[in-house]
């Protein structure tokens, strides 16, 4: 095959998604640099609009959401009454910080599916057939992993960490009071950080799918990855205690092993297709 034939096959391989915003027919071909910038501006604008709508919806239910976000503290004390008694605000404008952080987390979560869709619509026309097949499941998986990470942080890591802190303070006879702004800041940002970190298996699988990374290379870095994840978990977990730290490290390393397993299946499927073409 000549270089010209290879280039021809590459261009013929372009086949972005059909339908709605992902339909290549709805996007003009041969767009200039300024036209691409204009399209990107509209993509950012739609994403910000979705985020603003999410925040607005969250504002109507801010009280219910705030009560729901008290779950880790309620779990730690074993009673919602005790949790409320120990959750205080000592700054006049501290409640504003609480409102902003709750609205931010809720707005981001509600708008994420739409943001991923808008970004997919923006990049789809520039992808070839192989890459375009990956776009839709990658967006869905990214959202699913993000939600899984947020839920894991909120229902597992935070309750265990706060329970350890409460029990340790009770053992020494200390009265533990939680500043509302600091508590909600910890819940919001730790949950977002965990949800974001849950994207790394997807990134690994995508790189394997595109041929930029091999499973053998991943297997050879297992020890380094484990140590790195353990160090990262120590910084990530709010308390860094001996309960939440091994749980966080174990789960993150399990995700790494899962990405190796999925990557191996991707490589096997690719090699089987290549073998069929060689026959």
Protein backbone atom coordinates (compact mmCIF):
# COMPACT_ATOMS: atom_id res chain seq x y z
CA UNK A 1 0.00 0.00 0.00
CA UNK A 2 1.36 3.41 -0.96
CA UNK A 3 1.41 6.48 1.25
CA UNK A 4 -1.29 8.01 -0.92
CA UNK A 5 -3.51 4.95 -0.52
CA UNK A 6 -2.98 5.00 3.22
CA UNK A 7 -3.99 8.64 3.38
CA UNK A 8 -7.04 7.91 1.24
CA UNK A 9 -8.10 5.09 3.58
CA UNK A 10 -7.66 7.38 6.56
CA UNK A 11 -9.99 10.01 5.13
CA UNK A 12 -12.50 7.42 3.98
CA UNK A 13 -12.50 6.05 7.53
CA UNK A 14 -14.11 9.23 8.86
CA UNK A 15 -17.65 8.49 9.97
CA UNK A 16 -18.87 10.54 12.95
CA UNK A 17 -22.13 9.78 14.72
CA UNK A 18 -25.41 10.06 12.93
CA UNK A 19 -28.39 11.91 14.37
CA UNK A 20 -29.03 15.15 16.24
CA UNK A 21 -26.00 17.25 17.11
CA UNK A 22 -23.63 14.38 16.33
CA UNK A 23 -24.73 14.19 12.69
CA UNK A 24 -21.86 15.24 10.42
CA UNK A 25 -24.36 16.43 7.83
CA UNK A 26 -25.45 19.15 10.26
CA UNK A 27 -21.89 20.46 10.52
CA UNK A 28 -20.37 22.35 7.63
CA UNK A 29 -17.26 20.78 6.15
CA UNK A 30 -13.96 22.59 5.74
CA UNK A 31 -14.53 24.94 8.64
CA UNK A 32 -11.97 27.69 9.09
CA UNK A 33 -10.06 28.32 12.30
CA UNK A 34 -12.37 31.19 13.25
CA UNK A 35 -15.42 29.02 12.54
CA UNK A 36 -14.01 26.34 14.84
CA UNK A 37 -13.50 28.97 17.53
CA UNK A 38 -17.08 30.14 17.08
CA UNK A 39 -18.37 26.57 17.39
CA UNK A 40 -16.24 26.06 20.50
CA UNK A 41 -17.64 29.28 21.95
CA UNK A 42 -21.18 27.97 21.47
CA UNK A 43 -20.18 24.65 23.07
CA UNK A 44 -18.83 26.44 26.14
CA UNK A 45 -21.92 28.66 26.21
CA UNK A 46 -24.31 25.70 26.14
CA UNK A 47 -22.32 23.97 28.88
CA UNK A 48 -22.38 27.07 31.09
CA UNK A 49 -26.10 27.45 30.47
CA UNK A 50 -26.69 23.84 31.53
CA UNK A 51 -24.56 24.48 34.63
CA UNK A 52 -26.55 27.64 35.46
CA UNK A 53 -29.85 25.77 35.07
CA UNK A 54 -28.51 23.02 37.35
CA UNK A 55 -27.57 25.56 40.00
CA UNK A 56 -30.98 27.23 39.71
CA UNK A 57 -32.77 23.92 40.19
CA UNK A 58 -30.53 23.11 43.15
CA UNK A 59 -31.36 26.48 44.74
CA UNK A 60 -35.04 25.52 44.95
CA UNK A 61 -34.16 22.40 46.94
CA UNK A 62 -31.12 23.72 48.80
CA UNK A 63 -32.54 22.79 52.21
CA UNK A 64 -33.24 19.18 51.26
CA UNK A 65 -29.83 18.85 49.61
CA UNK A 66 -28.08 20.30 52.68
CA UNK A 67 -29.85 17.78 54.92
CA UNK A 68 -28.88 14.96 52.57
CA UNK A 69 -25.22 16.03 52.62
CA UNK A 70 -25.23 15.64 56.41
CA UNK A 71 -25.37 11.86 56.00
CA UNK A 72 -21.65 11.21 56.68
CA UNK A 73 -21.81 13.27 59.88
CA UNK A 74 -25.08 11.65 60.93
CA UNK A 75 -23.53 8.24 60.34
CA UNK A 76 -20.50 9.21 62.44
CA UNK A 77 -22.61 10.31 65.43
CA UNK A 78 -25.30 7.72 64.94
CA UNK A 79 -28.00 10.37 65.33
CA UNK A 80 -29.16 13.31 63.25
CA UNK A 81 -29.85 15.28 66.44
CA UNK A 82 -26.24 14.92 67.63
CA UNK A 83 -24.96 15.78 64.16
CA UNK A 84 -27.04 18.97 64.08
CA UNK A 85 -25.96 19.94 67.60
CA UNK A 86 -22.28 19.65 66.66
CA UNK A 87 -22.55 21.41 63.30
CA UNK A 88 -22.12 25.14 63.88
CA UNK A 89 -21.22 28.32 62.07
CA UNK A 90 -18.97 30.88 63.76
CA UNK A 91 -18.77 33.40 60.90
CA UNK A 92 -21.67 35.66 59.92
CA UNK A 93 -21.17 34.95 56.21
CA UNK A 94 -20.27 31.29 56.63
CA UNK A 95 -23.74 30.26 55.51
CA UNK A 96 -23.08 31.93 52.13
CA UNK A 97 -20.10 29.64 51.63
CA UNK A 98 -22.29 26.65 52.45
CA UNK A 99 -24.94 27.75 49.95
CA UNK A 100 -22.38 28.28 47.17
CA UNK A 101 -20.67 24.93 47.67
CA UNK A 102 -23.90 22.95 47.78
CA UNK A 103 -25.22 24.72 44.68
CA UNK A 104 -21.90 24.17 42.86
CA UNK A 105 -21.83 20.41 43.52
CA UNK A 106 -25.48 19.98 42.60
CA UNK A 107 -25.24 22.14 39.48
CA UNK A 108 -22.12 20.32 38.26
CA UNK A 109 -23.69 16.90 38.77
CA UNK A 110 -26.94 17.83 37.04
CA UNK A 111 -25.23 19.51 34.08
CA UNK A 112 -22.49 16.93 33.48
CA UNK A 113 -24.47 14.66 31.07
CA UNK A 114 -25.37 17.67 28.93
CA UNK A 115 -21.81 19.02 29.03
CA UNK A 116 -20.40 15.67 27.89
CA UNK A 117 -22.96 15.58 25.08
CA UNK A 118 -22.07 19.10 23.91
CA UNK A 119 -18.34 18.28 23.96
CA UNK A 120 -19.01 15.07 22.05
CA UNK A 121 -20.98 17.01 19.44
CA UNK A 122 -18.07 19.43 19.07
CA UNK A 123 -15.31 16.84 18.54
CA UNK A 124 -17.34 14.22 16.61
CA UNK A 125 -16.93 15.73 13.10
CA UNK A 126 -13.14 15.60 13.40
CA UNK A 127 -12.94 11.92 14.35
CA UNK A 128 -12.38 8.95 12.10
CA UNK A 129 -14.61 5.89 12.18
CA UNK A 130 -12.58 4.11 14.86
CA UNK A 131 -12.49 7.13 17.14
CA UNK A 132 -16.14 8.06 16.60
CA UNK A 133 -17.27 4.58 17.67
CA UNK A 134 -15.50 5.20 20.96
CA UNK A 135 -16.99 8.63 21.66
CA UNK A 136 -20.51 7.80 22.80
CA UNK A 137 -19.66 4.88 25.15
CA UNK A 138 -16.70 6.90 26.50
CA UNK A 139 -18.97 9.83 27.42
CA UNK A 140 -21.49 7.54 29.09
CA UNK A 141 -18.76 5.67 30.96
CA UNK A 142 -17.13 8.93 32.08
CA UNK A 143 -20.41 10.10 33.64
CA UNK A 144 -21.03 6.69 35.22
CA UNK A 145 -17.53 6.58 36.72
CA UNK A 146 -17.87 10.13 38.03
CA UNK A 147 -21.15 9.35 39.79
CA UNK A 148 -19.70 6.10 41.16
CA UNK A 149 -16.71 7.97 42.58
CA UNK A 150 -18.90 10.64 44.18
CA UNK A 151 -21.18 8.02 45.74
CA UNK A 152 -18.24 5.97 46.99
CA UNK A 153 -16.69 9.02 48.63
CA UNK A 154 -19.99 10.13 50.14
CA UNK A 155 -21.34 6.80 51.39
CA UNK A 156 -18.12 4.93 52.24
CA UNK A 157 -14.96 6.98 52.72
CA UNK A 158 -16.42 10.07 54.43
CA UNK A 159 -18.63 8.17 56.92
CA UNK A 160 -15.74 5.90 57.93
CA UNK A 161 -13.30 8.80 58.24
CA UNK A 162 -15.66 10.97 60.28
CA UNK A 163 -16.63 8.03 62.48
CA UNK A 164 -12.97 7.42 63.26
CA UNK A 165 -12.49 11.09 64.12
CA UNK A 166 -15.58 11.24 66.34
CA UNK A 167 -14.69 8.05 68.21
CA UNK A 168 -11.10 9.17 68.74
CA UNK A 169 -12.21 12.54 70.13
CA UNK A 170 -14.71 10.84 72.40
CA UNK A 171 -11.98 8.52 73.66
CA UNK A 172 -9.89 11.50 74.76
CA UNK A 173 -12.93 13.32 76.11
CA UNK A 174 -12.78 16.17 73.62
CA UNK A 175 -15.86 18.02 72.42
CA UNK A 176 -15.79 18.01 68.64
CA UNK A 177 -17.58 20.87 66.86
CA UNK A 178 -17.78 21.09 63.07
CA UNK A 179 -17.82 24.42 61.26
CA UNK A 180 -20.59 24.18 58.66
CA UNK A 181 -18.54 25.89 55.93
CA UNK A 182 -15.56 23.58 56.52
CA UNK A 183 -17.72 20.45 56.71
CA UNK A 184 -19.59 21.12 53.46
CA UNK A 185 -16.34 22.18 51.79
CA UNK A 186 -14.79 18.84 52.72
CA UNK A 187 -17.83 16.87 51.51
CA UNK A 188 -18.15 18.75 48.22
CA UNK A 189 -14.51 18.94 47.16
CA UNK A 190 -13.54 15.47 48.36
CA UNK A 191 -16.50 13.96 46.51
CA UNK A 192 -15.62 15.89 43.34
CA UNK A 193 -11.96 14.88 43.59
CA UNK A 194 -12.84 11.21 44.02
CA UNK A 195 -15.32 11.32 41.15
CA UNK A 196 -12.71 12.95 38.91
CA UNK A 197 -10.05 10.42 39.86
CA UNK A 198 -12.39 7.59 38.92
CA UNK A 199 -11.87 8.67 35.30
CA UNK A 200 -8.33 7.27 35.16
CA UNK A 201 -9.36 3.66 34.23
CA UNK A 202 -11.33 5.06 31.29
CA UNK A 203 -8.32 7.10 30.15
CA UNK A 204 -6.12 3.99 30.30
CA UNK A 205 -8.60 1.88 28.30
CA UNK A 206 -8.98 4.63 25.68
CA UNK A 207 -5.19 4.83 25.27
CA UNK A 208 -5.02 1.04 24.87
CA UNK A 209 -7.87 1.14 22.34
CA UNK A 210 -6.05 3.79 20.30
CA UNK A 211 -2.79 1.85 20.47
CA UNK A 212 -0.93 4.52 22.45
CA UNK A 213 -0.42 2.23 25.45
CA UNK A 214 0.08 -1.53 25.79
CA UNK A 215 -1.21 -3.91 28.44
CA UNK A 216 2.30 -5.29 28.94
CA UNK A 217 3.52 -1.81 29.84
CA UNK A 218 0.70 -1.48 32.36
CA UNK A 219 1.53 -4.83 33.93
CA UNK A 220 5.18 -3.87 34.31
CA UNK A 221 4.25 -0.76 36.32
CA UNK A 222 1.98 -2.47 38.87
CA UNK A 223 4.27 -1.90 41.87
CA UNK A 224 4.95 1.72 40.99
CA UNK A 225 1.24 2.37 40.47
CA UNK A 226 0.35 0.76 43.80
CA UNK A 227 2.85 2.88 45.73
CA UNK A 228 1.75 6.01 43.87
CA UNK A 229 -1.91 5.30 44.60
CA UNK A 230 -1.16 4.73 48.26
CA UNK A 231 0.62 8.08 48.49
CA UNK A 232 -2.14 9.80 46.55
CA UNK A 233 -4.81 8.25 48.80
CA UNK A 234 -3.00 9.55 51.87
CA UNK A 235 -3.37 13.09 50.51
CA UNK A 236 -6.87 12.51 49.16
CA UNK A 237 -8.59 11.05 52.21
CA UNK A 238 -9.65 13.74 54.71
CA UNK A 239 -8.26 11.95 57.77
CA UNK A 240 -5.58 9.73 56.27
CA UNK A 241 -6.50 7.18 58.96
CA UNK A 242 -5.81 3.45 58.86
CA UNK A 243 -9.45 2.71 57.97
CA UNK A 244 -10.23 4.94 55.00
CA UNK A 245 -6.66 4.89 53.61
CA UNK A 246 -6.49 1.15 52.79
CA UNK A 247 -10.07 1.17 51.49
CA UNK A 248 -9.33 4.07 49.13
CA UNK A 249 -6.03 2.58 48.01
CA UNK A 250 -7.56 -0.85 47.49
CA UNK A 251 -10.44 0.46 45.41
CA UNK A 252 -8.24 2.65 43.24
CA UNK A 253 -5.81 -0.18 42.60
CA UNK A 254 -8.77 -2.45 41.78
CA UNK A 255 -9.79 0.09 39.15
CA UNK A 256 -6.28 -0.06 37.74
CA UNK A 257 -6.46 -3.86 37.53
CA UNK A 258 -9.90 -3.57 35.92
CA UNK A 259 -8.47 -1.25 33.28
CA UNK A 260 -5.73 -3.85 32.57
CA UNK A 261 -8.35 -6.57 32.20
CA UNK A 262 -10.51 -4.48 29.87
CA UNK A 263 -7.41 -3.36 27.94
CA UNK A 264 -6.34 -6.99 27.46
CA UNK A 265 -9.74 -7.81 25.98
CA UNK A 266 -9.47 -4.80 23.68
CA UNK A 267 -6.02 -5.89 22.49
CA UNK A 268 -7.22 -9.48 21.98
CA UNK A 269 -10.20 -8.34 19.94
CA UNK A 270 -7.93 -6.14 17.83
CA UNK A 271 -5.44 -8.96 17.24
CA UNK A 272 -8.28 -11.36 16.31
CA UNK A 273 -9.57 -8.89 13.72
CA UNK A 274 -6.06 -8.48 12.33
CA UNK A 275 -5.67 -12.24 12.11
CA UNK A 276 -8.96 -12.54 10.22
CA UNK A 277 -7.80 -9.90 7.73
CA UNK A 278 -4.52 -11.73 7.20
CA UNK A 279 -6.31 -14.96 6.29
